[in-house]
All heavy atoms as atom14 arrays in JSON, in Angstrom:
{
  "sequence": "VFYFGIIADITPPVALAAFAASGISGGDPIRTGIHSAKLAIA",
  "atom14_mask": [
    [1, 1, 1, 1, 1, 1, 1, 0, 0, 0, 0, 0, 0, 0],
    [1, 1, 1, 1, 1, 1, 1, 1, 1, 1, 1, 0, 0, 0],
    [1, 1, 1, 1, 1, 1, 1, 1, 1, 1, 1, 1, 0, 0],
    [1, 1, 1, 1, 1, 1, 1, 1, 1, 1, 1, 0, 0, 0],
    [1, 1, 1, 1, 0, 0, 0, 0, 0, 0, 0, 0, 0, 0],
    [1, 1, 1, 1, 1, 1, 1, 1, 0, 0, 0, 0, 0, 0],
    [1, 1, 1, 1, 1, 1, 1, 1, 0, 0, 0, 0, 0, 0],
    [1, 1, 1, 1, 1, 0, 0, 0, 0, 0, 0, 0, 0, 0],
    [1, 1, 1, 1, 1, 1, 1, 1, 0, 0, 0, 0, 0, 0],
    [1, 1, 1, 1, 1, 1, 1, 1, 0, 0, 0, 0, 0, 0],
    [1, 1, 1, 1, 1, 1, 1, 0, 0, 0, 0, 0, 0, 0],
    [1, 1, 1, 1, 1, 1, 1, 0, 0, 0, 0, 0, 0, 0],
    [1, 1, 1, 1, 1, 1, 1, 0, 0, 0, 0, 0, 0, 0],
    [1, 1, 1, 1, 1, 1, 1, 0, 0, 0, 0, 0, 0, 0],
    [1, 1, 1, 1, 1, 0, 0, 0, 0, 0, 0, 0, 0, 0],
    [1, 1, 1, 1, 1, 1, 1, 1, 0, 0, 0, 0, 0, 0],
    [1, 1, 1, 1, 1, 0, 0, 0, 0, 0, 0, 0, 0, 0],
    [1, 1, 1, 1, 1, 0, 0, 0, 0, 0, 0, 0, 0, 0],
    [1, 1, 1, 1, 1, 1, 1, 1, 1, 1, 1, 0, 0, 0],
    [1, 1, 1, 1, 1, 0, 0, 0, 0, 0, 0, 0, 0, 0],
    [1, 1, 1, 1, 1, 0, 0, 0, 0, 0, 0, 0, 0, 0],
    [1, 1, 1, 1, 1, 1, 0, 0, 0, 0, 0, 0, 0, 0],
    [1, 1, 1, 1, 0, 0, 0, 0, 0, 0, 0, 0, 0, 0],
    [1, 1, 1, 1, 1, 1, 1, 1, 0, 0, 0, 0, 0, 0],
    [1, 1, 1, 1, 1, 1, 0, 0, 0, 0, 0, 0, 0, 0],
    [1, 1, 1, 1, 0, 0, 0, 0, 0, 0, 0, 0, 0, 0],
    [1, 1, 1, 1, 0, 0, 0, 0, 0, 0, 0, 0, 0, 0],
    [1, 1, 1, 1, 1, 1, 1, 1, 0, 0, 0, 0, 0, 0],
    [1, 1, 1, 1, 1, 1, 1, 0, 0, 0, 0, 0, 0, 0],
    [1, 1, 1, 1, 1, 1, 1, 1, 0, 0, 0, 0, 0, 0],
    [1, 1, 1, 1, 1, 1, 1, 1, 1, 1, 1, 0, 0, 0],
    [1, 1, 1, 1, 1, 1, 1, 0, 0, 0, 0, 0, 0, 0],
    [1, 1, 1, 1, 0, 0, 0, 0, 0, 0, 0, 0, 0, 0],
    [1, 1, 1, 1, 1, 1, 1, 1, 0, 0, 0, 0, 0, 0],
    [1, 1, 1, 1, 1, 1, 1, 1, 1, 1, 0, 0, 0, 0],
    [1, 1, 1, 1, 1, 1, 0, 0, 0, 0, 0, 0, 0, 0],
    [1, 1, 1, 1, 1, 0, 0, 0, 0, 0, 0, 0, 0, 0],
    [1, 1, 1, 1, 1, 1, 1, 1, 1, 0, 0, 0, 0, 0],
    [1, 1, 1, 1, 1, 1, 1, 1, 0, 0, 0, 0, 0, 0],
    [1, 1, 1, 1, 1, 0, 0, 0, 0, 0, 0, 0, 0, 0],
    [1, 1, 1, 1, 1, 1, 1, 1, 0, 0, 0, 0, 0, 0],
    [1, 1, 1, 1, 1, 0, 0, 0, 0, 0, 0, 0, 0, 0]
  ],
  "atom14_positions": [
    [[56.09, -220.47, -8.18], [55.7, -219.0, -8.03], [55.11, -218.75, -6.65], [55.37, -217.64, -6.17], [54.51, -218.59, -9.18], [55.11, -218.89, -10.53], [53.33, -219.57, -8.88], [0.0, 0.0, 0.0], [0.0, 0.0, 0.0], [0.0, 0.0, 0.0], [0.0, 0.0, 0.0], [0.0, 0.0, 0.0], [0.0, 0.0, 0.0], [0.0, 0.0, 0.0]],
    [[54.5, -219.8, -6.02], [54.09, -219.57, -4.64], [55.29, -219.18, -3.68], [55.24, -218.25, -2.87], [53.45, -220.78, -4.16], [53.05, -220.77, -2.66], [52.21, -219.77, -2.18], [53.45, -221.81, -1.75], [51.75, -219.84, -0.84], [53.1, -221.78, -0.45], [52.23, -220.81, -0.04], [0.0, 0.0, 0.0], [0.0, 0.0, 0.0], [0.0, 0.0, 0.0]],
    [[56.32, -219.88, -3.7], [57.53, -219.67, -2.86], [58.1, -218.23, -3.2], [58.38, -217.49, -2.25], [58.62, -220.7, -3.27], [58.72, -221.83, -2.23], [57.78, -222.66, -2.12], [59.7, -221.94, -1.35], [57.7, -223.77, -1.2], [59.83, -222.86, -0.33], [58.8, -223.82, -0.28], [58.8, -224.79, 0.7], [0.0, 0.0, 0.0], [0.0, 0.0, 0.0]],
    [[58.22, -217.94, -4.46], [58.93, -216.48, -4.58], [57.9, -215.46, -4.36], [58.3, -214.42, -3.9], [59.4, -216.49, -6.14], [60.65, -217.21, -6.28], [60.76, -218.33, -7.1], [61.76, -216.79, -5.66], [61.9, -219.01, -7.39], [62.99, -217.49, -5.73], [63.17, -218.61, -6.57], [0.0, 0.0, 0.0], [0.0, 0.0, 0.0], [0.0, 0.0, 0.0]],
    [[56.64, -215.71, -4.4], [55.69, -214.49, -4.1], [55.66, -214.49, -2.59], [55.59, -213.27, -2.12], [0.0, 0.0, 0.0], [0.0, 0.0, 0.0], [0.0, 0.0, 0.0], [0.0, 0.0, 0.0], [0.0, 0.0, 0.0], [0.0, 0.0, 0.0], [0.0, 0.0, 0.0], [0.0, 0.0, 0.0], [0.0, 0.0, 0.0], [0.0, 0.0, 0.0]],
    [[55.9, -215.5, -1.8], [55.88, -215.41, -0.37], [57.18, -214.64, 0.13], [57.06, -213.84, 0.93], [55.82, -216.79, 0.27], [54.47, -217.37, 0.06], [56.14, -216.71, 1.8], [53.19, -216.57, 0.64], [0.0, 0.0, 0.0], [0.0, 0.0, 0.0], [0.0, 0.0, 0.0], [0.0, 0.0, 0.0], [0.0, 0.0, 0.0], [0.0, 0.0, 0.0]],
    [[58.33, -215.17, -0.48], [59.56, -214.48, 0.09], [59.76, -213.04, -0.27], [60.81, -212.5, 0.12], [60.9, -215.33, -0.27], [60.96, -215.52, -1.72], [60.78, -216.7, 0.37], [62.27, -216.29, -2.13], [0.0, 0.0, 0.0], [0.0, 0.0, 0.0], [0.0, 0.0, 0.0], [0.0, 0.0, 0.0], [0.0, 0.0, 0.0], [0.0, 0.0, 0.0]],
    [[58.85, -212.49, -1.09], [58.91, -211.05, -1.34], [58.67, -210.26, -0.03], [59.16, -209.14, 0.01], [57.72, -210.75, -2.34], [0.0, 0.0, 0.0], [0.0, 0.0, 0.0], [0.0, 0.0, 0.0], [0.0, 0.0, 0.0], [0.0, 0.0, 0.0], [0.0, 0.0, 0.0], [0.0, 0.0, 0.0], [0.0, 0.0, 0.0], [0.0, 0.0, 0.0]],
    [[58.16, -210.97, 0.9], [58.03, -210.33, 2.3], [59.31, -210.15, 3.0], [59.33, -209.44, 4.03], [57.04, -211.22, 3.08], [55.67, -210.87, 3.03], [55.3, -209.91, 2.27], [54.76, -211.46, 3.65], [0.0, 0.0, 0.0], [0.0, 0.0, 0.0], [0.0, 0.0, 0.0], [0.0, 0.0, 0.0], [0.0, 0.0, 0.0], [0.0, 0.0, 0.0]],
    [[60.42, -210.78, 2.63], [61.67, -210.53, 3.21], [62.59, -210.1, 2.19], [63.9, -210.12, 2.37], [62.21, -211.74, 3.96], [62.12, -213.03, 3.03], [61.42, -211.96, 5.29], [62.75, -214.17, 3.71], [0.0, 0.0, 0.0], [0.0, 0.0, 0.0], [0.0, 0.0, 0.0], [0.0, 0.0, 0.0], [0.0, 0.0, 0.0], [0.0, 0.0, 0.0]],
    [[62.29, -209.72, 1.02], [63.18, -209.29, -0.11], [63.01, -207.84, -0.35], [62.09, -207.33, -0.72], [62.87, -210.0, -1.41], [62.82, -211.4, -1.2], [63.88, -209.72, -2.34], [0.0, 0.0, 0.0], [0.0, 0.0, 0.0], [0.0, 0.0, 0.0], [0.0, 0.0, 0.0], [0.0, 0.0, 0.0], [0.0, 0.0, 0.0], [0.0, 0.0, 0.0]],
    [[64.16, -206.98, 0.04], [64.06, -205.54, -0.22], [63.85, -205.27, -1.62], [64.13, -206.03, -2.47], [65.48, -205.09, 0.25], [65.89, -206.19, 1.22], [65.3, -207.49, 0.66], [0.0, 0.0, 0.0], [0.0, 0.0, 0.0], [0.0, 0.0, 0.0], [0.0, 0.0, 0.0], [0.0, 0.0, 0.0], [0.0, 0.0, 0.0], [0.0, 0.0, 0.0]],
    [[63.1, -204.03, -1.88], [63.0, -202.94, -1.01], [61.56, -203.09, -0.34], [61.47, -202.32, 0.68], [62.89, -201.84, -1.93], [62.36, -202.39, -3.22], [62.94, -203.79, -3.41], [0.0, 0.0, 0.0], [0.0, 0.0, 0.0], [0.0, 0.0, 0.0], [0.0, 0.0, 0.0], [0.0, 0.0, 0.0], [0.0, 0.0, 0.0], [0.0, 0.0, 0.0]],
    [[60.62, -203.85, -0.75], [59.39, -204.06, 0.05], [59.41, -205.2, 0.86], [58.88, -206.31, 0.28], [58.09, -203.96, -0.94], [56.79, -203.98, -0.11], [58.26, -202.72, -1.87], [0.0, 0.0, 0.0], [0.0, 0.0, 0.0], [0.0, 0.0, 0.0], [0.0, 0.0, 0.0], [0.0, 0.0, 0.0], [0.0, 0.0, 0.0], [0.0, 0.0, 0.0]],
    [[59.96, -205.31, 2.0], [60.0, -206.45, 2.75], [59.39, -206.31, 4.1], [59.97, -206.01, 5.07], [61.63, -206.77, 3.07], [0.0, 0.0, 0.0], [0.0, 0.0, 0.0], [0.0, 0.0, 0.0], [0.0, 0.0, 0.0], [0.0, 0.0, 0.0], [0.0, 0.0, 0.0], [0.0, 0.0, 0.0], [0.0, 0.0, 0.0], [0.0, 0.0, 0.0]],
    [[58.01, -206.42, 4.02], [57.12, -206.02, 5.13], [57.54, -206.83, 6.45], [57.47, -206.31, 7.6], [55.71, -206.19, 4.86], [55.13, -205.32, 3.69], [53.57, -205.49, 3.57], [55.43, -203.78, 4.14], [0.0, 0.0, 0.0], [0.0, 0.0, 0.0], [0.0, 0.0, 0.0], [0.0, 0.0, 0.0], [0.0, 0.0, 0.0], [0.0, 0.0, 0.0]],
    [[57.71, -208.1, 6.23], [58.08, -208.85, 7.52], [59.37, -208.53, 8.09], [59.55, -208.36, 9.34], [58.18, -210.34, 7.12], [0.0, 0.0, 0.0], [0.0, 0.0, 0.0], [0.0, 0.0, 0.0], [0.0, 0.0, 0.0], [0.0, 0.0, 0.0], [0.0, 0.0, 0.0], [0.0, 0.0, 0.0], [0.0, 0.0, 0.0], [0.0, 0.0, 0.0]],
    [[60.39, -208.13, 7.33], [61.68, -207.69, 7.77], [61.47, -206.34, 8.41], [62.09, -206.07, 9.47], [62.76, -207.61, 6.71], [0.0, 0.0, 0.0], [0.0, 0.0, 0.0], [0.0, 0.0, 0.0], [0.0, 0.0, 0.0], [0.0, 0.0, 0.0], [0.0, 0.0, 0.0], [0.0, 0.0, 0.0], [0.0, 0.0, 0.0], [0.0, 0.0, 0.0]],
    [[60.73, -205.48, 7.84], [60.47, -204.14, 8.46], [59.85, -204.2, 9.81], [60.21, -203.57, 10.73], [59.66, -203.2, 7.5], [60.37, -202.87, 6.22], [59.69, -202.21, 5.2], [61.7, -203.27, 5.97], [60.36, -201.86, 4.01], [62.35, -202.91, 4.75], [61.68, -202.23, 3.78], [0.0, 0.0, 0.0], [0.0, 0.0, 0.0], [0.0, 0.0, 0.0]],
    [[58.88, -205.16, 9.94], [58.14, -205.31, 11.27], [59.17, -205.76, 12.31], [59.18, -205.4, 13.33], [56.97, -206.31, 11.09], [0.0, 0.0, 0.0], [0.0, 0.0, 0.0], [0.0, 0.0, 0.0], [0.0, 0.0, 0.0], [0.0, 0.0, 0.0], [0.0, 0.0, 0.0], [0.0, 0.0, 0.0], [0.0, 0.0, 0.0], [0.0, 0.0, 0.0]],
    [[60.07, -206.8, 11.7], [61.1, -207.26, 12.78], [61.99, -206.23, 13.15], [62.49, -206.15, 14.37], [61.87, -208.48, 12.23], [0.0, 0.0, 0.0], [0.0, 0.0, 0.0], [0.0, 0.0, 0.0], [0.0, 0.0, 0.0], [0.0, 0.0, 0.0], [0.0, 0.0, 0.0], [0.0, 0.0, 0.0], [0.0, 0.0, 0.0], [0.0, 0.0, 0.0]],
    [[62.38, -205.29, 12.21], [63.33, -204.19, 12.66], [62.65, -203.27, 13.7], [63.33, -202.64, 14.38], [63.74, -203.48, 11.45], [62.82, -202.84, 10.83], [0.0, 0.0, 0.0], [0.0, 0.0, 0.0], [0.0, 0.0, 0.0], [0.0, 0.0, 0.0], [0.0, 0.0, 0.0], [0.0, 0.0, 0.0], [0.0, 0.0, 0.0], [0.0, 0.0, 0.0]],
    [[61.37, -203.18, 13.53], [60.63, -202.33, 14.54], [60.82, -202.87, 15.93], [60.7, -202.12, 16.92], [0.0, 0.0, 0.0], [0.0, 0.0, 0.0], [0.0, 0.0, 0.0], [0.0, 0.0, 0.0], [0.0, 0.0, 0.0], [0.0, 0.0, 0.0], [0.0, 0.0, 0.0], [0.0, 0.0, 0.0], [0.0, 0.0, 0.0], [0.0, 0.0, 0.0]],
    [[60.87, -204.2, 16.05], [61.1, -204.8, 17.35], [62.56, -204.88, 17.77], [62.82, -204.46, 18.98], [60.52, -206.26, 17.42], [59.08, -206.35, 16.98], [60.7, -206.93, 18.7], [58.49, -207.72, 16.67], [0.0, 0.0, 0.0], [0.0, 0.0, 0.0], [0.0, 0.0, 0.0], [0.0, 0.0, 0.0], [0.0, 0.0, 0.0], [0.0, 0.0, 0.0]],
    [[63.41, -205.05, 16.81], [64.87, -205.13, 17.24], [65.52, -203.82, 17.31], [66.61, -203.71, 17.92], [65.58, -206.03, 16.12], [65.66, -205.36, 14.87], [0.0, 0.0, 0.0], [0.0, 0.0, 0.0], [0.0, 0.0, 0.0], [0.0, 0.0, 0.0], [0.0, 0.0, 0.0], [0.0, 0.0, 0.0], [0.0, 0.0, 0.0], [0.0, 0.0, 0.0]],
    [[65.08, -202.77, 16.77], [65.64, -201.55, 16.72], [66.71, -201.4, 15.58], [67.48, -200.53, 15.6], [0.0, 0.0, 0.0], [0.0, 0.0, 0.0], [0.0, 0.0, 0.0], [0.0, 0.0, 0.0], [0.0, 0.0, 0.0], [0.0, 0.0, 0.0], [0.0, 0.0, 0.0], [0.0, 0.0, 0.0], [0.0, 0.0, 0.0], [0.0, 0.0, 0.0]],
    [[66.67, -202.43, 14.66], [67.66, -202.42, 13.65], [67.27, -201.62, 12.37], [66.26, -201.03, 12.41], [0.0, 0.0, 0.0], [0.0, 0.0, 0.0], [0.0, 0.0, 0.0], [0.0, 0.0, 0.0], [0.0, 0.0, 0.0], [0.0, 0.0, 0.0], [0.0, 0.0, 0.0], [0.0, 0.0, 0.0], [0.0, 0.0, 0.0], [0.0, 0.0, 0.0]],
    [[68.13, -201.62, 11.44], [67.86, -200.97, 10.21], [66.97, -201.83, 9.26], [67.42, -202.98, 9.03], [69.16, -200.64, 9.47], [69.06, -199.93, 8.13], [68.71, -198.71, 8.19], [69.01, -200.62, 7.08], [0.0, 0.0, 0.0], [0.0, 0.0, 0.0], [0.0, 0.0, 0.0], [0.0, 0.0, 0.0], [0.0, 0.0, 0.0], [0.0, 0.0, 0.0]],
    [[65.83, -201.35, 8.83], [64.86, -202.26, 8.02], [65.61, -202.77, 6.77], [65.35, -203.94, 6.56], [63.85, -201.15, 7.66], [63.97, -200.18, 8.74], [65.41, -199.94, 9.06], [0.0, 0.0, 0.0], [0.0, 0.0, 0.0], [0.0, 0.0, 0.0], [0.0, 0.0, 0.0], [0.0, 0.0, 0.0], [0.0, 0.0, 0.0], [0.0, 0.0, 0.0]],
    [[66.4, -202.05, 6.05], [66.98, -202.56, 4.82], [67.99, -203.54, 5.1], [68.01, -204.66, 4.57], [67.62, -201.48, 3.95], [66.45, -200.41, 3.51], [68.28, -202.04, 2.73], [65.38, -201.06, 2.64], [0.0, 0.0, 0.0], [0.0, 0.0, 0.0], [0.0, 0.0, 0.0], [0.0, 0.0, 0.0], [0.0, 0.0, 0.0], [0.0, 0.0, 0.0]],
    [[68.89, -203.32, 6.23], [69.92, -204.34, 6.47], [69.23, -205.51, 6.99], [69.66, -206.68, 6.75], [70.83, -203.72, 7.63], [71.98, -202.88, 6.96], [73.17, -202.66, 7.94], [72.65, -202.09, 9.15], [72.8, -200.86, 9.41], [73.13, -200.01, 8.46], [72.44, -200.33, 10.58], [0.0, 0.0, 0.0], [0.0, 0.0, 0.0], [0.0, 0.0, 0.0]],
    [[68.1, -205.41, 7.76], [67.42, -206.57, 8.27], [66.85, -207.4, 7.11], [66.87, -208.5, 7.15], [66.28, -206.07, 9.32], [66.75, -205.41, 10.34], [65.5, -207.37, 9.78], [0.0, 0.0, 0.0], [0.0, 0.0, 0.0], [0.0, 0.0, 0.0], [0.0, 0.0, 0.0], [0.0, 0.0, 0.0], [0.0, 0.0, 0.0], [0.0, 0.0, 0.0]],
    [[66.3, -206.73, 6.05], [65.82, -207.37, 4.92], [66.81, -208.07, 4.12], [66.62, -209.27, 3.66], [0.0, 0.0, 0.0], [0.0, 0.0, 0.0], [0.0, 0.0, 0.0], [0.0, 0.0, 0.0], [0.0, 0.0, 0.0], [0.0, 0.0, 0.0], [0.0, 0.0, 0.0], [0.0, 0.0, 0.0], [0.0, 0.0, 0.0], [0.0, 0.0, 0.0]],
    [[68.05, -207.43, 4.03], [69.07, -208.17, 3.31], [69.55, -209.43, 4.03], [69.85, -210.57, 3.51], [70.26, -207.21, 3.13], [69.92, -206.1, 2.19], [71.57, -207.94, 2.57], [71.03, -204.97, 2.11], [0.0, 0.0, 0.0], [0.0, 0.0, 0.0], [0.0, 0.0, 0.0], [0.0, 0.0, 0.0], [0.0, 0.0, 0.0], [0.0, 0.0, 0.0]],
    [[69.74, -209.27, 5.46], [70.19, -210.48, 6.11], [69.09, -211.51, 6.12], [69.37, -212.67, 6.08], [70.29, -210.07, 7.67], [71.59, -209.18, 7.9], [72.57, -209.35, 7.08], [71.92, -208.35, 8.91], [73.61, -208.51, 7.55], [73.11, -207.92, 8.67], [0.0, 0.0, 0.0], [0.0, 0.0, 0.0], [0.0, 0.0, 0.0], [0.0, 0.0, 0.0]],
    [[67.71, -211.09, 6.12], [66.61, -212.06, 5.86], [66.79, -212.8, 4.74], [66.6, -214.09, 4.79], [65.36, -211.42, 6.13], [65.06, -210.77, 7.32], [0.0, 0.0, 0.0], [0.0, 0.0, 0.0], [0.0, 0.0, 0.0], [0.0, 0.0, 0.0], [0.0, 0.0, 0.0], [0.0, 0.0, 0.0], [0.0, 0.0, 0.0], [0.0, 0.0, 0.0]],
    [[67.02, -212.22, 3.6], [67.15, -212.81, 2.36], [68.31, -213.77, 2.29], [68.25, -214.87, 1.75], [67.27, -211.79, 1.31], [0.0, 0.0, 0.0], [0.0, 0.0, 0.0], [0.0, 0.0, 0.0], [0.0, 0.0, 0.0], [0.0, 0.0, 0.0], [0.0, 0.0, 0.0], [0.0, 0.0, 0.0], [0.0, 0.0, 0.0], [0.0, 0.0, 0.0]],
    [[69.45, -213.45, 3.07], [70.65, -214.28, 3.12], [70.17, -215.64, 3.87], [70.51, -216.7, 3.47], [71.78, -213.64, 3.65], [72.43, -212.56, 2.77], [73.55, -211.87, 3.57], [74.21, -210.81, 2.82], [75.3, -210.1, 3.45], [0.0, 0.0, 0.0], [0.0, 0.0, 0.0], [0.0, 0.0, 0.0], [0.0, 0.0, 0.0], [0.0, 0.0, 0.0]],
    [[69.61, -215.29, 5.02], [69.19, -216.44, 5.85], [68.2, -217.43, 5.04], [68.21, -218.68, 5.37], [68.53, -216.03, 7.1], [69.54, -215.44, 8.28], [68.77, -214.86, 9.37], [70.45, -216.61, 8.71], [0.0, 0.0, 0.0], [0.0, 0.0, 0.0], [0.0, 0.0, 0.0], [0.0, 0.0, 0.0], [0.0, 0.0, 0.0], [0.0, 0.0, 0.0]],
    [[67.38, -216.87, 4.21], [66.31, -217.57, 3.53], [66.89, -218.09, 2.15], [66.13, -218.18, 1.28], [65.14, -216.89, 3.41], [0.0, 0.0, 0.0], [0.0, 0.0, 0.0], [0.0, 0.0, 0.0], [0.0, 0.0, 0.0], [0.0, 0.0, 0.0], [0.0, 0.0, 0.0], [0.0, 0.0, 0.0], [0.0, 0.0, 0.0], [0.0, 0.0, 0.0]],
    [[68.15, -218.19, 2.04], [68.66, -218.68, 0.78], [68.14, -219.91, 0.22], [67.92, -220.06, -1.0], [70.28, -218.78, 0.87], [70.92, -218.94, -0.52], [70.66, -219.87, 1.87], [70.89, -217.77, -1.37], [0.0, 0.0, 0.0], [0.0, 0.0, 0.0], [0.0, 0.0, 0.0], [0.0, 0.0, 0.0], [0.0, 0.0, 0.0], [0.0, 0.0, 0.0]],
    [[67.66, -220.78, 1.21], [67.08, -221.91, 0.82], [65.86, -221.75, -0.02], [65.42, -222.45, -0.92], [66.67, -222.77, 1.98], [0.0, 0.0, 0.0], [0.0, 0.0, 0.0], [0.0, 0.0, 0.0], [0.0, 0.0, 0.0], [0.0, 0.0, 0.0], [0.0, 0.0, 0.0], [0.0, 0.0, 0.0], [0.0, 0.0, 0.0], [0.0, 0.0, 0.0]]
  ]
}
């Protein structure tokens, strides 16, 4: 439960870490969140 609670931060629709990263990169928040979830498949 700890792992899945944590990765909620990069799982859309509420992906605060991904949204913050998109604020730096200039990217789309949702697409950044989707890519984050793919990268964090582990």
